Each structure stands twice: as structure tokens, then as C-alpha cells.
């Protein structure tokens, strides 16, 4: 289980949990609540903003091409 957040605008990849011990039959309970402050992450990586920008543009053109082939745009 990997609980993380990717903020492309800020150029950060933040991880709060990386758990490899989850197996079939385990139960996971998720509670959503409003908090005033986010807990301290396990890791926070600053991404290369130019690379993020290039990847976003590339993803846009791939999606545009796919939608055109399907006649959706």
C-alpha cells in the first residue's frame, strides 16, 4: 500500500506510507476527516519542474490523439 500525493503544480511527490506487508484477506479501513494541519510525510521529493512540464505536455498530446481516434473530439 502506498499513500502519497503528487502535486504537479508545486513539483513535489510526497509519501506518507509505504507498506509491503499487505496480503489477500487483510482489511483496510479509511476514515476521511478534515484536519487543520497535514501530518509529517515519510518522504517529500522535489521534482524537476521542467521535466514535469514536458511530461504534462506529452500526456496532453497523447490523450488528444486518443480522443481524436475515438471520434470524441
Foldseek 3Di string as FASTA:
>chain_A
DWDWDQDLVQQKTFTADDDDPDDPPDDDDDDDDDDPDDDDTPDMDRHDNVVSVVVVVVVVVVVVVVCVVVVND
